[in-house]
Amino acid sequence: MDGGLMSAVNYVLRQGELFNMVLLVPDDIPEQSLASTVEGNVQEMCALFEGWDPRIQKLLKLCQSVHKWRLCIRFGDYDWTHPSGAWVMLGDSVHATLPYLASGAGMAFEDGAVLGECLSRLPSGPNVSKSSPEFIAAKRHALAVFEKCRKQRTQMVVERGNTQQYLYHLHDGPEQEERDRKMRMVPTPEGEALAWRDPGLAPKLLGYDHIADVDANWETVGEKVEVEVARL
């Protein structure tokens, strides 16, 4: 059925204890509103999906309340770290992603793993002065490596999430038919609408090696700083 600009995704959680339904519809939250989440209306929700699979209507009518959540994207084409090295941004604050690739939270986990790996390479111990110019410079280098590792990858995910939105919401017609034809092809071609089967994307999306990424960038980003440990 032609979903137009809407889609419904359903899946179970906690080994079948919970059932989650995600409904994606055009944004009608007032532009001037600063809220990203507002109270919705169950009747309005049911009306939006009138004529869809009857199982969806059956599930929707079980809802007692609903909230609207505005979706946003953010391209991280600016500095993620402060020049002082005192703080760094990660997750949705720098690369908010549409949910069509189901990878937003995964990217935040990867951010944490890469940041931890970078910081773990700083010298530590009782004889290291963390206020010394050398240590601060080394920390800046570690954060620059973090940013280099993450920017290109997260931008790829944001852009592919936008593509997925387009592919999922095609109206009935030639483009939709071509999308469906590719989904039936064996072996799966690149550009497949189900991104996790796309041979050009799935290995990169699901097989990320954060340590190898840090290794590849550690010596090439800026000027590596060696911290001399004072001997007492």
C-alpha atoms as a PDB file:
ATOM      1  CA  MET A   1       0.000   0.000   0.000  1.00  0.00           C
ATOM      2  CA  ASP A   2       1.193   3.519  -0.814  1.00  0.00           C
ATOM      3  CA  GLY A   3       2.290   5.003   2.485  1.00  0.00           C
ATOM      4  CA  GLY A   4       2.942   8.425   1.029  1.00  0.00           C
ATOM      5  CA  LEU A   5       5.037  10.295   3.580  1.00  0.00           C
ATOM      6  CA  MET A   6       4.306   7.877   6.417  1.00  0.00           C
ATOM      7  CA  SER A   7       5.604   4.549   7.630  1.00  0.00           C
ATOM      8  CA  ALA A   8       5.094   2.146  10.515  1.00  0.00           C
ATOM      9  CA  VAL A   9       7.784  -0.029  12.099  1.00  0.00           C
ATOM     10  CA  ASN A  10       7.002  -2.713  14.669  1.00  0.00           C
ATOM     11  CA  TYR A  11       9.283  -4.946  16.714  1.00  0.00           C
ATOM     12  CA  VAL A  12       9.464  -6.785  20.021  1.00  0.00           C
ATOM     13  CA  LEU A  13      11.767  -5.989  22.944  1.00  0.00           C
ATOM     14  CA  ARG A  14      13.006  -7.825  26.028  1.00  0.00           C
ATOM     15  CA  GLN A  15      12.639 -11.247  24.435  1.00  0.00           C
ATOM     16  CA  GLY A  16       9.020 -10.631  23.540  1.00  0.00           C
ATOM     17  CA  GLU A  17       7.884  -8.961  26.772  1.00  0.00           C
ATOM     18  CA  LEU A  18       7.336  -5.589  25.087  1.00  0.00           C
ATOM     19  CA  PHE A  19       6.066  -4.573  21.666  1.00  0.00           C
ATOM     20  CA  ASN A  20       7.230  -1.280  20.197  1.00  0.00           C
ATOM     21  CA  MET A  21       5.531   0.559  17.353  1.00  0.00           C
ATOM     22  CA  VAL A  22       7.130   3.567  15.690  1.00  0.00           C
ATOM     23  CA  LEU A  23       4.906   5.681  13.449  1.00  0.00           C
ATOM     24  CA  LEU A  24       6.506   8.295  11.223  1.00  0.00           C
ATOM     25  CA  VAL A  25       4.326  11.069   9.816  1.00  0.00           C
ATOM     26  CA  PRO A  26       4.876  14.617   8.482  1.00  0.00           C
ATOM     27  CA  ASP A  27       5.743  17.126  11.207  1.00  0.00           C
ATOM     28  CA  ASP A  28       2.830  19.339  12.250  1.00  0.00           C
ATOM     29  CA  ILE A  29       4.301  20.677  15.488  1.00  0.00           C
ATOM     30  CA  PRO A  30       4.201  24.506  15.182  1.00  0.00           C
ATOM     31  CA  GLU A  31       7.521  25.849  13.898  1.00  0.00           C
ATOM     32  CA  GLN A  32       7.696  28.423  16.665  1.00  0.00           C
ATOM     33  CA  SER A  33       7.424  25.706  19.307  1.00  0.00           C
ATOM     34  CA  LEU A  34      10.628  25.080  21.238  1.00  0.00           C
ATOM     35  CA  ALA A  35       9.359  21.694  22.404  1.00  0.00           C
ATOM     36  CA  SER A  36      10.626  18.575  20.666  1.00  0.00           C
ATOM     37  CA  THR A  37       7.909  16.408  22.246  1.00  0.00           C
ATOM     38  CA  VAL A  38       4.241  17.371  22.602  1.00  0.00           C
ATOM     39  CA  GLU A  39       1.077  15.554  23.617  1.00  0.00           C
ATOM     40  CA  GLY A  40      -0.749  13.920  20.719  1.00  0.00           C
ATOM     41  CA  ASN A  41      -4.237  12.596  20.132  1.00  0.00           C
ATOM     42  CA  VAL A  42      -5.093   8.900  19.791  1.00  0.00           C
ATOM     43  CA  GLN A  43      -8.034   9.586  17.474  1.00  0.00           C
ATOM     44  CA  GLU A  44      -5.870  11.737  15.204  1.00  0.00           C
ATOM     45  CA  MET A  45      -3.244   8.994  15.118  1.00  0.00           C
ATOM     46  CA  CYS A  46      -5.798   6.358  14.148  1.00  0.00           C
ATOM     47  CA  ALA A  47      -7.220   8.631  11.447  1.00  0.00           C
ATOM     48  CA  LEU A  48      -3.784   9.134   9.893  1.00  0.00           C
ATOM     49  CA  PHE A  49      -3.441   5.385   9.361  1.00  0.00           C
ATOM     50  CA  GLU A  50      -7.014   4.736   8.268  1.00  0.00           C
ATOM     51  CA  GLY A  51      -7.029   2.228   5.408  1.00  0.00           C
ATOM     52  CA  TRP A  52      -3.710   0.647   6.353  1.00  0.00           C
ATOM     53  CA  ASP A  53      -3.277  -2.970   7.407  1.00  0.00           C
ATOM     54  CA  PRO A  54      -6.113  -3.719   9.870  1.00  0.00           C
ATOM     55  CA  ARG A  55      -3.597  -5.090  12.359  1.00  0.00           C
ATOM     56  CA  ILE A  56      -2.087  -1.620  12.668  1.00  0.00           C
ATOM     57  CA  GLN A  57      -5.485  -0.119  13.430  1.00  0.00           C
ATOM     58  CA  LYS A  58      -6.112  -2.827  16.010  1.00  0.00           C
ATOM     59  CA  LEU A  59      -2.838  -2.044  17.756  1.00  0.00           C
ATOM     60  CA  LEU A  60      -3.350   1.720  17.605  1.00  0.00           C
ATOM     61  CA  LYS A  61      -6.732   1.447  19.278  1.00  0.00           C
ATOM     62  CA  LEU A  62      -5.068  -0.194  22.266  1.00  0.00           C
ATOM     63  CA  CYS A  63      -3.196   3.056  22.977  1.00  0.00           C
ATOM     64  CA  GLN A  64      -4.464   5.258  25.770  1.00  0.00           C
ATOM     65  CA  SER A  65      -2.116   8.178  25.137  1.00  0.00           C
ATOM     66  CA  VAL A  66       0.392   9.241  22.515  1.00  0.00           C
ATOM     67  CA  HIS A  67       3.141  11.822  22.164  1.00  0.00           C
ATOM     68  CA  LYS A  68       4.593  13.475  19.074  1.00  0.00           C
ATOM     69  CA  TRP A  69       8.360  13.597  18.859  1.00  0.00           C
ATOM     70  CA  ARG A  70       9.948  15.992  16.387  1.00  0.00           C
ATOM     71  CA  LEU A  71      12.778  14.432  14.399  1.00  0.00           C
ATOM     72  CA  CYS A  72      15.848  16.485  13.545  1.00  0.00           C
ATOM     73  CA  ILE A  73      19.175  16.070  11.829  1.00  0.00           C
ATOM     74  CA  ARG A  74      22.454  17.790  12.497  1.00  0.00           C
ATOM     75  CA  PHE A  75      25.592  17.722  10.382  1.00  0.00           C
ATOM     76  CA  GLY A  76      28.704  17.998  12.530  1.00  0.00           C
ATOM     77  CA  ASP A  77      30.588  20.386  10.228  1.00  0.00           C
ATOM     78  CA  TYR A  78      32.046  22.426  13.093  1.00  0.00           C
ATOM     79  CA  ASP A  79      34.417  21.809  15.978  1.00  0.00           C
ATOM     80  CA  TRP A  80      33.215  19.197  18.452  1.00  0.00           C
ATOM     81  CA  THR A  81      35.828  20.060  21.068  1.00  0.00           C
ATOM     82  CA  HIS A  82      36.821  23.179  22.971  1.00  0.00           C
ATOM     83  CA  PRO A  83      40.311  24.550  22.228  1.00  0.00           C
ATOM     84  CA  SER A  84      41.141  24.134  25.902  1.00  0.00           C
ATOM     85  CA  GLY A  85      40.536  20.398  25.656  1.00  0.00           C
ATOM     86  CA  ALA A  86      38.195  20.716  28.638  1.00  0.00           C
ATOM     87  CA  TRP A  87      35.092  19.310  26.959  1.00  0.00           C
ATOM     88  CA  VAL A  88      33.878  17.463  23.899  1.00  0.00           C
ATOM     89  CA  MET A  89      30.451  16.940  22.335  1.00  0.00           C
ATOM     90  CA  LEU A  90      29.167  13.628  21.029  1.00  0.00           C
ATOM     91  CA  GLY A  91      25.955  11.815  20.108  1.00  0.00           C
ATOM     92  CA  ASP A  92      22.895  13.749  18.970  1.00  0.00           C
ATOM     93  CA  SER A  93      24.479  17.065  19.974  1.00  0.00           C
ATOM     94  CA  VAL A  94      26.718  16.831  16.898  1.00  0.00           C
ATOM     95  CA  HIS A  95      25.148  14.273  14.541  1.00  0.00           C
ATOM     96  CA  ALA A  96      21.426  13.890  15.231  1.00  0.00           C
ATOM     97  CA  THR A  97      20.121  11.345  12.737  1.00  0.00           C
ATOM     98  CA  LEU A  98      16.718  10.401  11.364  1.00  0.00           C
ATOM     99  CA  PRO A  99      15.618   6.971  12.642  1.00  0.00           C
ATOM    100  CA  TYR A 100      15.279   5.286   9.246  1.00  0.00           C
ATOM    101  CA  LEU A 101      18.674   3.594   9.548  1.00  0.00           C
ATOM    102  CA  ALA A 102      18.152   2.596  13.203  1.00  0.00           C
ATOM    103  CA  SER A 103      21.699   3.734  13.924  1.00  0.00           C
ATOM    104  CA  GLY A 104      21.458   6.949  15.951  1.00  0.00           C
ATOM    105  CA  ALA A 105      22.017   5.323  19.333  1.00  0.00           C
ATOM    106  CA  GLY A 106      24.627   3.022  17.822  1.00  0.00           C
ATOM    107  CA  MET A 107      26.628   6.026  16.634  1.00  0.00           C
ATOM    108  CA  ALA A 108      26.572   7.468  20.153  1.00  0.00           C
ATOM    109  CA  PHE A 109      27.881   4.173  21.558  1.00  0.00           C
ATOM    110  CA  GLU A 110      30.634   4.241  18.956  1.00  0.00           C
ATOM    111  CA  ASP A 111      31.457   7.828  19.926  1.00  0.00           C
ATOM    112  CA  GLY A 112      31.944   6.703  23.502  1.00  0.00           C
ATOM    113  CA  ALA A 113      34.128   3.769  22.470  1.00  0.00           C
ATOM    114  CA  VAL A 114      36.359   5.923  20.260  1.00  0.00           C
ATOM    115  CA  LEU A 115      36.620   8.685  22.856  1.00  0.00           C
ATOM    116  CA  GLY A 116      37.548   6.148  25.517  1.00  0.00           C
ATOM    117  CA  GLU A 117      40.202   4.613  23.267  1.00  0.00           C
ATOM    118  CA  CYS A 118      41.703   8.021  22.492  1.00  0.00           C
ATOM    119  CA  LEU A 119      41.814   9.111  26.126  1.00  0.00           C
ATOM    120  CA  SER A 120      43.215   5.750  27.210  1.00  0.00           C
ATOM    121  CA  ARG A 121      46.335   6.518  25.183  1.00  0.00           C
ATOM    122  CA  LEU A 122      47.187   9.541  27.296  1.00  0.00           C
ATOM    123  CA  PRO A 123      49.912   9.008  29.901  1.00  0.00           C
ATOM    124  CA  SER A 124      48.684   8.431  33.418  1.00  0.00           C
ATOM    125  CA  GLY A 125      50.073   7.863  36.855  1.00  0.00           C
ATOM    126  CA  PRO A 126      51.079   9.832  39.927  1.00  0.00           C
ATOM    127  CA  ASN A 127      54.019  11.457  38.155  1.00  0.00           C
ATOM    128  CA  VAL A 128      51.978  12.928  35.302  1.00  0.00           C
ATOM    129  CA  SER A 129      50.965  16.552  35.706  1.00  0.00           C
ATOM    130  CA  LYS A 130      47.597  16.922  34.018  1.00  0.00           C
ATOM    131  CA  SER A 131      47.903  20.698  34.154  1.00  0.00           C
ATOM    132  CA  SER A 132      51.204  20.784  32.281  1.00  0.00           C
ATOM    133  CA  PRO A 133      51.228  22.344  28.790  1.00  0.00           C
ATOM    134  CA  GLU A 134      52.513  19.055  27.383  1.00  0.00           C
ATOM    135  CA  PHE A 135      49.662  17.004  28.820  1.00  0.00           C
ATOM    136  CA  ILE A 136      47.043  19.541  27.710  1.00  0.00           C
ATOM    137  CA  ALA A 137      48.520  19.466  24.201  1.00  0.00           C
ATOM    138  CA  ALA A 138      48.438  15.662  24.229  1.00  0.00           C
ATOM    139  CA  LYS A 139      44.793  15.751  25.291  1.00  0.00           C
ATOM    140  CA  ARG A 140      43.976  18.127  22.458  1.00  0.00           C
ATOM    141  CA  HIS A 141      45.634  15.705  20.070  1.00  0.00           C
ATOM    142  CA  ALA A 142      43.551  12.817  21.442  1.00  0.00           C
ATOM    143  CA  LEU A 143      40.353  14.820  21.008  1.00  0.00           C
ATOM    144  CA  ALA A 144      41.356  15.833  17.478  1.00  0.00           C
ATOM    145  CA  VAL A 145      41.815  12.155  16.624  1.00  0.00           C
ATOM    146  CA  PHE A 146      38.393  11.407  18.102  1.00  0.00           C
ATOM    147  CA  GLU A 147      36.817  14.095  15.945  1.00  0.00           C
ATOM    148  CA  LYS A 148      38.636  12.931  12.805  1.00  0.00           C
ATOM    149  CA  CYS A 149      37.509   9.337  13.363  1.00  0.00           C
ATOM    150  CA  ARG A 150      33.889  10.210  13.936  1.00  0.00           C
ATOM    151  CA  LYS A 151      33.005  13.077  11.613  1.00  0.00           C
ATOM    152  CA  GLN A 152      33.139  11.312   8.274  1.00  0.00           C
ATOM    153  CA  ARG A 153      31.444   8.164   9.547  1.00  0.00           C
ATOM    154  CA  THR A 154      28.576   9.909  11.306  1.00  0.00           C
ATOM    155  CA  GLN A 155      27.997  12.192   8.320  1.00  0.00           C
ATOM    156  CA  MET A 156      27.672   9.070   6.168  1.00  0.00           C
ATOM    157  CA  VAL A 157      25.041   7.711   8.554  1.00  0.00           C
ATOM    158  CA  VAL A 158      23.093  10.992   8.641  1.00  0.00           C
ATOM    159  CA  GLU A 159      23.082  11.172   4.841  1.00  0.00           C
ATOM    160  CA  ARG A 160      22.065   7.531   4.423  1.00  0.00           C
ATOM    161  CA  GLY A 161      19.286   8.024   6.977  1.00  0.00           C
ATOM    162  CA  ASN A 162      17.931  10.813   4.771  1.00  0.00           C
ATOM    163  CA  THR A 163      18.123   8.494   1.760  1.00  0.00           C
ATOM    164  CA  GLN A 164      16.258   5.791   3.662  1.00  0.00           C
ATOM    165  CA  GLN A 165      13.487   8.256   4.475  1.00  0.00           C
ATOM    166  CA  TYR A 166      13.099   8.950   0.763  1.00  0.00           C
ATOM    167  CA  LEU A 167      13.139   5.263  -0.209  1.00  0.00           C
ATOM    168  CA  TYR A 168      10.652   4.201   2.459  1.00  0.00           C
ATOM    169  CA  HIS A 169       8.154   6.937   1.615  1.00  0.00           C
ATOM    170  CA  LEU A 170       7.989   6.630  -2.163  1.00  0.00           C
ATOM    171  CA  HIS A 171       4.508   6.978  -3.614  1.00  0.00           C
ATOM    172  CA  ASP A 172       3.247   4.169  -5.827  1.00  0.00           C
ATOM    173  CA  GLY A 173       4.828   4.529  -9.234  1.00  0.00           C
ATOM    174  CA  PRO A 174       7.974   3.808 -11.273  1.00  0.00           C
ATOM    175  CA  GLU A 175      10.453   4.659  -8.492  1.00  0.00           C
ATOM    176  CA  GLN A 176       8.577   2.540  -5.983  1.00  0.00           C
ATOM    177  CA  GLU A 177       8.430  -0.334  -8.459  1.00  0.00           C
ATOM    178  CA  GLU A 178      12.179  -0.095  -9.104  1.00  0.00           C
ATOM    179  CA  ARG A 179      12.828  -0.066  -5.351  1.00  0.00           C
ATOM    180  CA  ASP A 180      10.721  -3.192  -4.911  1.00  0.00           C
ATOM    181  CA  ARG A 181      12.391  -4.890  -7.888  1.00  0.00           C
ATOM    182  CA  LYS A 182      15.825  -4.404  -6.318  1.00  0.00           C
ATOM    183  CA  MET A 183      14.550  -5.797  -3.020  1.00  0.00           C
ATOM    184  CA  ARG A 184      13.643  -9.037  -4.804  1.00  0.00           C
ATOM    185  CA  MET A 185      17.002  -9.426  -6.530  1.00  0.00           C
ATOM    186  CA  VAL A 186      19.463 -12.189  -5.593  1.00  0.00           C
ATOM    187  CA  PRO A 187      22.248 -11.455  -4.878  1.00  0.00           C
ATOM    188  CA  THR A 188      21.332  -8.175  -3.238  1.00  0.00           C
ATOM    189  CA  PRO A 189      22.538  -5.172  -5.284  1.00  0.00           C
ATOM    190  CA  GLU A 190      24.142  -2.048  -3.857  1.00  0.00           C
ATOM    191  CA  GLY A 191      21.613   0.647  -3.060  1.00  0.00           C
ATOM    192  CA  GLU A 192      19.063  -1.875  -1.724  1.00  0.00           C
ATOM    193  CA  ALA A 193      16.348  -0.105   0.273  1.00  0.00           C
ATOM    194  CA  LEU A 194      16.814  -2.510   3.194  1.00  0.00           C
ATOM    195  CA  ALA A 195      20.148  -0.991   4.137  1.00  0.00           C
ATOM    196  CA  TRP A 196      21.265  -3.879   6.353  1.00  0.00           C
ATOM    197  CA  ARG A 197      21.352  -6.115   3.266  1.00  0.00           C
ATOM    198  CA  ASP A 198      23.097  -3.541   1.068  1.00  0.00           C
ATOM    199  CA  PRO A 199      26.541  -5.019   0.302  1.00  0.00           C
ATOM    200  CA  GLY A 200      27.907  -1.508  -0.148  1.00  0.00           C
ATOM    201  CA  LEU A 201      26.752  -0.344   3.278  1.00  0.00           C
ATOM    202  CA  ALA A 202      26.092  -3.203   5.697  1.00  0.00           C
ATOM    203  CA  PRO A 203      29.750  -4.210   6.249  1.00  0.00           C
ATOM    204  CA  LYS A 204      30.714  -0.587   6.958  1.00  0.00           C
ATOM    205  CA  LEU A 205      27.704   0.061   9.161  1.00  0.00           C
ATOM    206  CA  LEU A 206      27.828  -3.135  11.216  1.00  0.00           C
ATOM    207  CA  GLY A 207      31.517  -4.031  11.122  1.00  0.00           C
ATOM    208  CA  TYR A 208      33.120  -0.876  12.519  1.00  0.00           C
ATOM    209  CA  ASP A 209      36.453  -1.434  14.303  1.00  0.00           C
ATOM    210  CA  HIS A 210      36.960   1.594  16.522  1.00  0.00           C
ATOM    211  CA  ILE A 211      40.460   0.604  17.635  1.00  0.00           C
ATOM    212  CA  ALA A 212      41.642   0.206  14.047  1.00  0.00           C
ATOM    213  CA  ASP A 213      40.122   3.593  13.239  1.00  0.00           C
ATOM    214  CA  VAL A 214      42.017   5.266  16.075  1.00  0.00           C
ATOM    215  CA  ASP A 215      45.221   3.460  15.066  1.00  0.00           C
ATOM    216  CA  ALA A 216      44.855   4.722  11.496  1.00  0.00           C
ATOM    217  CA  ASN A 217      44.472   8.346  12.580  1.00  0.00           C
ATOM    218  CA  TRP A 218      46.642   8.594  15.690  1.00  0.00           C
ATOM    219  CA  GLU A 219      49.886   9.440  13.891  1.00  0.00           C
ATOM    220  CA  THR A 220      48.352  11.509  11.099  1.00  0.00           C
ATOM    221  CA  VAL A 221      46.212  14.064  12.944  1.00  0.00           C
ATOM    222  CA  GLY A 222      48.039  17.251  13.840  1.00  0.00           C
ATOM    223  CA  GLU A 223      51.291  16.951  15.733  1.00  0.00           C
ATOM    224  CA  LYS A 224      51.603  14.065  18.121  1.00  0.00           C
ATOM    225  CA  VAL A 225      52.797  15.239  21.528  1.00  0.00           C
ATOM    226  CA  GLU A 226      54.978  13.203  23.828  1.00  0.00           C
ATOM    227  CA  VAL A 227      54.546  13.881  27.528  1.00  0.00           C
ATOM    228  CA  GLU A 228      57.644  13.589  29.631  1.00  0.00           C
ATOM    229  CA  VAL A 229      56.881  11.955  32.948  1.00  0.00           C
ATOM    230  CA  ALA A 230      58.619  13.627  35.834  1.00  0.00           C
ATOM    231  CA  ARG A 231      60.702  11.263  37.911  1.00  0.00           C
ATOM    232  CA  LEU A 232      60.633  11.839  41.631  1.00  0.00           C
END
